[in-house]
Amino acid sequence: MKKILWKRMTLLFKNRRIGDFVCNFTAVVLGIILTFMGSDWIEKRNTQRDVKSALHLVKAELQTNRETILGGKQRVEREIRAAQFLLRNKDSLLVVSKDSLEYYSNMPFQTSFITFTTDALELMKSSALFPQIKDRQLGLSIIQAYASIKSADVLYTTYQTLKKERNDCLDAKPEVKRIYAQKLSFALLWSRLLAIDEGYDLLVQIPNMINPESFDYFIKEIDSTIQAIEKYE
């Protein structure tokens, strides 16, 4: 048996030099290694392509949320200006600009809430692409930006809730219901409401419930993250 095996091996190498065999074997091994390396490179490249696509969606979502925060800040500023305008002119409402009075009069009564989205971030997390972000600082910045969005939501919602509570206190007064039923002009309406403690308190408290500049920090945080994503892309 050993002789037969030896003869077969002898025939195998009879017309080949050992050097040729080594070269061929080495070429095969290198080919296998390069194939695995190439596959790994392609896989990593495709992963980063998917990461960049996901980051593009995150960037768009951050921009949308940024505009929502800015809109909320501007609304708060208008409501504060309305309260200050009515208080400043409480003794001369019958002679102030009718356009300004009409523009500001309803704002203290209005309650609005804003909506933010986190769909792009959740999609990136669920697809396991978030850990594939090579820049760890960018990943942290994204988390902080969405935390800022949540904080802006809480701040705005708290302000609107407090304002609504004071409006509810005003509306609960029997005399206020009678005033509303009379369908008075804005000048007469606010002259009557400001003579009531709850009406006066509503306007005094609106500027003290919130500082609109608080939203600037959240916007700055988002802007910084958007710039970081653009550099990554």
C-alpha atoms as a PDB file:
ATOM      1  CA  MET A   1       0.000   0.000   0.000  1.00  0.00           C
ATOM      2  CA  LYS A   2       2.795   2.354   0.908  1.00  0.00           C
ATOM      3  CA  LYS A   3       4.538   1.552  -2.362  1.00  0.00           C
ATOM      4  CA  ILE A   4       1.419   2.340  -4.364  1.00  0.00           C
ATOM      5  CA  LEU A   5       0.973   5.708  -2.573  1.00  0.00           C
ATOM      6  CA  TRP A   6       4.608   6.555  -3.144  1.00  0.00           C
ATOM      7  CA  LYS A   7       4.330   5.745  -6.852  1.00  0.00           C
ATOM      8  CA  ARG A   8       1.291   8.005  -7.183  1.00  0.00           C
ATOM      9  CA  MET A   9       3.093  10.878  -5.490  1.00  0.00           C
ATOM     10  CA  THR A  10       6.119  10.261  -7.704  1.00  0.00           C
ATOM     11  CA  LEU A  11       3.938  10.425 -10.798  1.00  0.00           C
ATOM     12  CA  LEU A  12       2.343  13.627  -9.527  1.00  0.00           C
ATOM     13  CA  PHE A  13       5.658  15.412  -9.281  1.00  0.00           C
ATOM     14  CA  LYS A  14       7.410  13.540 -12.131  1.00  0.00           C
ATOM     15  CA  ASN A  15       6.936  16.263 -14.702  1.00  0.00           C
ATOM     16  CA  ARG A  16       6.795  19.185 -12.219  1.00  0.00           C
ATOM     17  CA  ARG A  17       9.430  20.914 -10.241  1.00  0.00           C
ATOM     18  CA  ILE A  18       8.833  21.383  -6.536  1.00  0.00           C
ATOM     19  CA  GLY A  19       9.303  25.119  -7.006  1.00  0.00           C
ATOM     20  CA  ASP A  20       6.417  25.264  -9.469  1.00  0.00           C
ATOM     21  CA  PHE A  21       4.180  23.481  -7.008  1.00  0.00           C
ATOM     22  CA  VAL A  22       5.108  25.872  -4.224  1.00  0.00           C
ATOM     23  CA  CYS A  23       4.455  28.860  -6.488  1.00  0.00           C
ATOM     24  CA  ASN A  24       1.087  27.499  -7.557  1.00  0.00           C
ATOM     25  CA  PHE A  25       0.127  26.659  -3.998  1.00  0.00           C
ATOM     26  CA  THR A  26       1.202  30.102  -2.818  1.00  0.00           C
ATOM     27  CA  ALA A  27      -0.830  31.728  -5.585  1.00  0.00           C
ATOM     28  CA  VAL A  28      -3.911  29.793  -4.569  1.00  0.00           C
ATOM     29  CA  VAL A  29      -3.481  30.717  -0.907  1.00  0.00           C
ATOM     30  CA  LEU A  30      -2.905  34.370  -1.770  1.00  0.00           C
ATOM     31  CA  GLY A  31      -5.962  34.290  -4.002  1.00  0.00           C
ATOM     32  CA  ILE A  32      -8.071  32.981  -1.158  1.00  0.00           C
ATOM     33  CA  ILE A  33      -6.689  35.599   1.241  1.00  0.00           C
ATOM     34  CA  LEU A  34      -7.257  38.411  -1.245  1.00  0.00           C
ATOM     35  CA  THR A  35     -10.776  37.170  -1.909  1.00  0.00           C
ATOM     36  CA  PHE A  36     -11.625  37.284   1.801  1.00  0.00           C
ATOM     37  CA  MET A  37      -9.944  40.674   2.172  1.00  0.00           C
ATOM     38  CA  GLY A  38     -11.792  41.992  -0.850  1.00  0.00           C
ATOM     39  CA  SER A  39     -15.102  40.690   0.437  1.00  0.00           C
ATOM     40  CA  ASP A  40     -14.461  42.257   3.830  1.00  0.00           C
ATOM     41  CA  TRP A  41     -13.558  45.579   2.190  1.00  0.00           C
ATOM     42  CA  ILE A  42     -16.688  45.508   0.041  1.00  0.00           C
ATOM     43  CA  GLU A  43     -18.835  44.684   3.060  1.00  0.00           C
ATOM     44  CA  LYS A  44     -17.350  47.527   5.088  1.00  0.00           C
ATOM     45  CA  ARG A  45     -17.743  49.878   2.144  1.00  0.00           C
ATOM     46  CA  ASN A  46     -21.403  48.922   1.729  1.00  0.00           C
ATOM     47  CA  THR A  47     -21.970  49.340   5.475  1.00  0.00           C
ATOM     48  CA  GLN A  48     -20.520  52.852   5.414  1.00  0.00           C
ATOM     49  CA  ARG A  49     -22.664  53.642   2.395  1.00  0.00           C
ATOM     50  CA  ASP A  50     -25.730  52.580   4.394  1.00  0.00           C
ATOM     51  CA  VAL A  51     -24.496  54.595   7.389  1.00  0.00           C
ATOM     52  CA  LYS A  52     -24.190  57.718   5.253  1.00  0.00           C
ATOM     53  CA  SER A  53     -27.676  57.180   3.819  1.00  0.00           C
ATOM     54  CA  ALA A  54     -29.082  56.822   7.335  1.00  0.00           C
ATOM     55  CA  LEU A  55     -27.200  59.924   8.482  1.00  0.00           C
ATOM     56  CA  HIS A  56     -28.695  61.827   5.565  1.00  0.00           C
ATOM     57  CA  LEU A  57     -32.160  60.989   6.910  1.00  0.00           C
ATOM     58  CA  VAL A  58     -31.104  61.962  10.435  1.00  0.00           C
ATOM     59  CA  LYS A  59     -29.783  65.270   9.136  1.00  0.00           C
ATOM     60  CA  ALA A  60     -33.079  66.014   7.355  1.00  0.00           C
ATOM     61  CA  GLU A  61     -35.027  65.134  10.505  1.00  0.00           C
ATOM     62  CA  LEU A  62     -32.817  67.360  12.643  1.00  0.00           C
ATOM     63  CA  GLN A  63     -33.349  70.244  10.218  1.00  0.00           C
ATOM     64  CA  THR A  64     -37.122  69.762  10.396  1.00  0.00           C
ATOM     65  CA  ASN A  65     -37.063  69.661  14.190  1.00  0.00           C
ATOM     66  CA  ARG A  66     -34.820  72.724  14.238  1.00  0.00           C
ATOM     67  CA  GLU A  67     -37.394  74.691  12.232  1.00  0.00           C
ATOM     68  CA  THR A  68     -40.116  73.485  14.602  1.00  0.00           C
ATOM     69  CA  ILE A  69     -38.143  74.717  17.617  1.00  0.00           C
ATOM     70  CA  LEU A  70     -37.490  78.040  15.917  1.00  0.00           C
ATOM     71  CA  GLY A  71     -41.191  78.366  15.115  1.00  0.00           C
ATOM     72  CA  GLY A  72     -42.049  77.629  18.754  1.00  0.00           C
ATOM     73  CA  LYS A  73     -39.584  80.261  19.949  1.00  0.00           C
ATOM     74  CA  GLN A  74     -41.024  82.863  17.587  1.00  0.00           C
ATOM     75  CA  ARG A  75     -44.552  82.087  18.739  1.00  0.00           C
ATOM     76  CA  VAL A  76     -43.527  82.513  22.380  1.00  0.00           C
ATOM     77  CA  GLU A  77     -41.907  85.844  21.505  1.00  0.00           C
ATOM     78  CA  ARG A  78     -45.121  87.042  19.823  1.00  0.00           C
ATOM     79  CA  GLU A  79     -47.214  86.023  22.810  1.00  0.00           C
ATOM     80  CA  ILE A  80     -44.860  87.848  25.171  1.00  0.00           C
ATOM     81  CA  ARG A  81     -44.987  90.963  22.991  1.00  0.00           C
ATOM     82  CA  ALA A  82     -48.790  90.723  22.987  1.00  0.00           C
ATOM     83  CA  ALA A  83     -48.963  90.560  26.793  1.00  0.00           C
ATOM     84  CA  GLN A  84     -46.530  93.458  27.135  1.00  0.00           C
ATOM     85  CA  PHE A  85     -48.409  95.518  24.552  1.00  0.00           C
ATOM     86  CA  LEU A  86     -51.737  95.052  26.316  1.00  0.00           C
ATOM     87  CA  LEU A  87     -50.259  95.814  29.735  1.00  0.00           C
ATOM     88  CA  ARG A  88     -48.382  98.848  28.488  1.00  0.00           C
ATOM     89  CA  ASN A  89     -51.532 100.282  26.909  1.00  0.00           C
ATOM     90  CA  LYS A  90     -54.080  99.115  29.485  1.00  0.00           C
ATOM     91  CA  ASP A  91     -55.142 102.682  30.214  1.00  0.00           C
ATOM     92  CA  SER A  92     -55.351 103.752  26.568  1.00  0.00           C
ATOM     93  CA  LEU A  93     -56.718 100.751  24.702  1.00  0.00           C
ATOM     94  CA  LEU A  94     -59.431 102.849  23.085  1.00  0.00           C
ATOM     95  CA  VAL A  95     -56.899 105.038  21.292  1.00  0.00           C
ATOM     96  CA  VAL A  96     -54.057 102.647  20.375  1.00  0.00           C
ATOM     97  CA  SER A  97     -53.568 101.332  16.858  1.00  0.00           C
ATOM     98  CA  LYS A  98     -56.517  99.133  15.958  1.00  0.00           C
ATOM     99  CA  ASP A  99     -54.327  96.952  13.737  1.00  0.00           C
ATOM    100  CA  SER A 100     -51.892  96.258  16.566  1.00  0.00           C
ATOM    101  CA  LEU A 101     -54.732  95.645  19.004  1.00  0.00           C
ATOM    102  CA  GLU A 102     -56.392  93.225  16.598  1.00  0.00           C
ATOM    103  CA  TYR A 103     -53.092  91.449  15.951  1.00  0.00           C
ATOM    104  CA  TYR A 104     -52.195  90.966  19.629  1.00  0.00           C
ATOM    105  CA  SER A 105     -55.552  90.561  21.371  1.00  0.00           C
ATOM    106  CA  ASN A 106     -56.172  86.850  20.772  1.00  0.00           C
ATOM    107  CA  MET A 107     -52.620  85.632  21.407  1.00  0.00           C
ATOM    108  CA  PRO A 108     -52.829  85.395  25.214  1.00  0.00           C
ATOM    109  CA  PHE A 109     -55.885  83.121  24.853  1.00  0.00           C
ATOM    110  CA  GLN A 110     -54.372  80.717  22.334  1.00  0.00           C
ATOM    111  CA  THR A 111     -52.807  77.399  23.270  1.00  0.00           C
ATOM    112  CA  SER A 112     -50.658  75.478  20.809  1.00  0.00           C
ATOM    113  CA  PHE A 113     -48.445  72.426  20.950  1.00  0.00           C
ATOM    114  CA  ILE A 114     -45.652  71.425  18.609  1.00  0.00           C
ATOM    115  CA  THR A 115     -44.687  67.973  17.378  1.00  0.00           C
ATOM    116  CA  PHE A 116     -41.194  66.581  16.909  1.00  0.00           C
ATOM    117  CA  THR A 117     -40.091  63.407  15.131  1.00  0.00           C
ATOM    118  CA  THR A 118     -37.407  60.828  15.915  1.00  0.00           C
ATOM    119  CA  ASP A 119     -38.214  58.316  13.163  1.00  0.00           C
ATOM    120  CA  ALA A 120     -34.845  58.597  11.370  1.00  0.00           C
ATOM    121  CA  LEU A 121     -32.908  58.036  14.588  1.00  0.00           C
ATOM    122  CA  GLU A 122     -35.046  55.045  15.559  1.00  0.00           C
ATOM    123  CA  LEU A 123     -34.628  53.549  12.082  1.00  0.00           C
ATOM    124  CA  MET A 124     -30.867  53.916  12.311  1.00  0.00           C
ATOM    125  CA  LYS A 125     -30.823  52.244  15.718  1.00  0.00           C
ATOM    126  CA  SER A 126     -33.114  49.378  14.715  1.00  0.00           C
ATOM    127  CA  SER A 127     -31.024  48.642  11.608  1.00  0.00           C
ATOM    128  CA  ALA A 128     -27.888  48.345  13.794  1.00  0.00           C
ATOM    129  CA  LEU A 129     -26.172  51.084  11.781  1.00  0.00           C
ATOM    130  CA  PHE A 130     -25.721  53.487  14.682  1.00  0.00           C
ATOM    131  CA  PRO A 131     -22.749  51.539  16.179  1.00  0.00           C
ATOM    132  CA  GLN A 132     -21.158  51.532  12.704  1.00  0.00           C
ATOM    133  CA  ILE A 133     -20.556  55.302  12.779  1.00  0.00           C
ATOM    134  CA  LYS A 134     -16.777  55.516  12.737  1.00  0.00           C
ATOM    135  CA  ASP A 135     -16.712  58.927  14.414  1.00  0.00           C
ATOM    136  CA  ARG A 136     -17.727  58.219  18.019  1.00  0.00           C
ATOM    137  CA  GLN A 137     -17.969  61.932  18.762  1.00  0.00           C
ATOM    138  CA  LEU A 138     -20.544  62.275  15.989  1.00  0.00           C
ATOM    139  CA  GLY A 139     -22.611  59.484  17.527  1.00  0.00           C
ATOM    140  CA  LEU A 140     -22.549  61.279  20.877  1.00  0.00           C
ATOM    141  CA  SER A 141     -23.431  64.583  19.221  1.00  0.00           C
ATOM    142  CA  ILE A 142     -26.481  63.005  17.560  1.00  0.00           C
ATOM    143  CA  ILE A 143     -27.696  61.648  20.896  1.00  0.00           C
ATOM    144  CA  GLN A 144     -27.231  65.079  22.493  1.00  0.00           C
ATOM    145  CA  ALA A 145     -29.063  66.801  19.633  1.00  0.00           C
ATOM    146  CA  TYR A 146     -32.111  64.587  20.062  1.00  0.00           C
ATOM    147  CA  ALA A 147     -31.937  65.154  23.828  1.00  0.00           C
ATOM    148  CA  SER A 148     -32.070  68.891  23.082  1.00  0.00           C
ATOM    149  CA  ILE A 149     -35.147  68.341  20.922  1.00  0.00           C
ATOM    150  CA  LYS A 150     -36.860  66.538  23.776  1.00  0.00           C
ATOM    151  CA  SER A 151     -35.900  69.331  26.192  1.00  0.00           C
ATOM    152  CA  ALA A 152     -37.300  71.945  23.795  1.00  0.00           C
ATOM    153  CA  ASP A 153     -40.528  69.973  23.612  1.00  0.00           C
ATOM    154  CA  VAL A 154     -40.793  69.833  27.415  1.00  0.00           C
ATOM    155  CA  LEU A 155     -40.014  73.545  27.763  1.00  0.00           C
ATOM    156  CA  TYR A 156     -42.579  74.627  25.179  1.00  0.00           C
ATOM    157  CA  THR A 157     -45.255  72.237  26.449  1.00  0.00           C
ATOM    158  CA  THR A 158     -44.737  73.381  30.050  1.00  0.00           C
ATOM    159  CA  TYR A 159     -45.124  77.026  29.029  1.00  0.00           C
ATOM    160  CA  GLN A 160     -48.302  76.387  27.049  1.00  0.00           C
ATOM    161  CA  THR A 161     -49.741  74.264  29.870  1.00  0.00           C
ATOM    162  CA  LEU A 162     -49.105  76.991  32.443  1.00  0.00           C
ATOM    163  CA  LYS A 163     -50.669  79.590  30.177  1.00  0.00           C
ATOM    164  CA  LYS A 164     -53.712  77.402  29.634  1.00  0.00           C
ATOM    165  CA  GLU A 165     -54.136  76.928  33.386  1.00  0.00           C
ATOM    166  CA  ARG A 166     -54.295  80.690  33.863  1.00  0.00           C
ATOM    167  CA  ASN A 167     -56.716  80.993  30.962  1.00  0.00           C
ATOM    168  CA  ASP A 168     -58.903  78.339  32.576  1.00  0.00           C
ATOM    169  CA  CYS A 169     -58.895  80.306  35.835  1.00  0.00           C
ATOM    170  CA  LEU A 170     -59.955  83.394  33.915  1.00  0.00           C
ATOM    171  CA  ASP A 171     -62.679  81.569  31.994  1.00  0.00           C
ATOM    172  CA  ALA A 172     -64.080  80.105  35.215  1.00  0.00           C
ATOM    173  CA  LYS A 173     -65.092  83.554  36.472  1.00  0.00           C
ATOM    174  CA  PRO A 174     -68.839  84.122  35.991  1.00  0.00           C
ATOM    175  CA  GLU A 175     -68.319  87.762  35.043  1.00  0.00           C
ATOM    176  CA  VAL A 176     -65.856  86.760  32.311  1.00  0.00           C
ATOM    177  CA  LYS A 177     -68.452  84.521  30.694  1.00  0.00           C
ATOM    178  CA  ARG A 178     -70.826  87.482  30.644  1.00  0.00           C
ATOM    179  CA  ILE A 179     -68.118  89.682  29.104  1.00  0.00           C
ATOM    180  CA  TYR A 180     -67.452  87.150  26.326  1.00  0.00           C
ATOM    181  CA  ALA A 181     -71.176  86.869  25.626  1.00  0.00           C
ATOM    182  CA  GLN A 182     -71.375  90.613  24.922  1.00  0.00           C
ATOM    183  CA  LYS A 183     -69.040  90.298  21.897  1.00  0.00           C
ATOM    184  CA  LEU A 184     -67.233  93.535  22.705  1.00  0.00           C
ATOM    185  CA  SER A 185     -64.527  95.183  20.665  1.00  0.00           C
ATOM    186  CA  PHE A 186     -60.973  94.164  21.560  1.00  0.00           C
ATOM    187  CA  ALA A 187     -60.419  97.495  23.294  1.00  0.00           C
ATOM    188  CA  LEU A 188     -63.448  97.108  25.541  1.00  0.00           C
ATOM    189  CA  LEU A 189     -62.819  93.379  26.032  1.00  0.00           C
ATOM    190  CA  TRP A 190     -59.330  93.884  27.417  1.00  0.00           C
ATOM    191  CA  SER A 191     -60.369  96.921  29.423  1.00  0.00           C
ATOM    192  CA  ARG A 192     -62.859  94.695  31.217  1.00  0.00           C
ATOM    193  CA  LEU A 193     -60.516  91.679  31.537  1.00  0.00           C
ATOM    194  CA  LEU A 194     -57.666  93.761  32.931  1.00  0.00           C
ATOM    195  CA  ALA A 195     -59.977  94.937  35.690  1.00  0.00           C
ATOM    196  CA  ILE A 196     -60.234  91.333  36.847  1.00  0.00           C
ATOM    197  CA  ASP A 197     -57.345  89.875  38.852  1.00  0.00           C
ATOM    198  CA  GLU A 198     -57.167  86.688  36.764  1.00  0.00           C
ATOM    199  CA  GLY A 199     -57.057  88.678  33.517  1.00  0.00           C
ATOM    200  CA  TYR A 200     -54.317  90.957  34.757  1.00  0.00           C
ATOM    201  CA  ASP A 201     -52.397  87.981  36.185  1.00  0.00           C
ATOM    202  CA  LEU A 202     -52.530  86.169  32.840  1.00  0.00           C
ATOM    203  CA  LEU A 203     -50.737  89.000  31.055  1.00  0.00           C
ATOM    204  CA  VAL A 204     -48.251  89.588  33.868  1.00  0.00           C
ATOM    205  CA  GLN A 205     -47.290  85.920  34.048  1.00  0.00           C
ATOM    206  CA  ILE A 206     -46.826  85.201  30.326  1.00  0.00           C
ATOM    207  CA  PRO A 207     -43.442  86.993  30.061  1.00  0.00           C
ATOM    208  CA  ASN A 208     -42.293  85.334  33.302  1.00  0.00           C
ATOM    209  CA  MET A 209     -43.198  81.764  32.406  1.00  0.00           C
ATOM    210  CA  ILE A 210     -40.420  81.285  29.884  1.00  0.00           C
ATOM    211  CA  ASN A 211     -37.316  82.882  28.402  1.00  0.00           C
ATOM    212  CA  PRO A 212     -37.416  82.521  24.596  1.00  0.00           C
ATOM    213  CA  GLU A 213     -33.617  82.629  24.477  1.00  0.00           C
ATOM    214  CA  SER A 214     -33.596  79.221  26.167  1.00  0.00           C
ATOM    215  CA  PHE A 215     -34.434  77.739  22.769  1.00  0.00           C
ATOM    216  CA  ASP A 216     -31.217  79.161  21.286  1.00  0.00           C
ATOM    217  CA  TYR A 217     -29.098  76.580  23.113  1.00  0.00           C
ATOM    218  CA  PHE A 218     -31.120  73.719  21.620  1.00  0.00           C
ATOM    219  CA  ILE A 219     -30.900  75.195  18.129  1.00  0.00           C
ATOM    220  CA  LYS A 220     -27.143  75.648  18.492  1.00  0.00           C
ATOM    221  CA  GLU A 221     -26.744  72.015  19.564  1.00  0.00           C
ATOM    222  CA  ILE A 222     -28.674  70.827  16.514  1.00  0.00           C
ATOM    223  CA  ASP A 223     -26.731  73.101  14.147  1.00  0.00           C
ATOM    224  CA  SER A 224     -23.455  71.720  15.476  1.00  0.00           C
ATOM    225  CA  THR A 225     -24.619  68.149  14.885  1.00  0.00           C
ATOM    226  CA  ILE A 226     -25.835  68.918  11.354  1.00  0.00           C
ATOM    227  CA  GLN A 227     -22.412  70.367  10.513  1.00  0.00           C
ATOM    228  CA  ALA A 228     -20.701  67.261  11.905  1.00  0.00           C
ATOM    229  CA  ILE A 229     -22.906  64.997   9.764  1.00  0.00           C
ATOM    230  CA  GLU A 230     -22.091  67.053   6.661  1.00  0.00           C
ATOM    231  CA  LYS A 231     -18.375  66.579   7.330  1.00  0.00           C
ATOM    232  CA  TYR A 232     -18.876  62.831   7.756  1.00  0.00           C
ATOM    233  CA  GLU A 233     -20.758  62.635   4.474  1.00  0.00           C
END
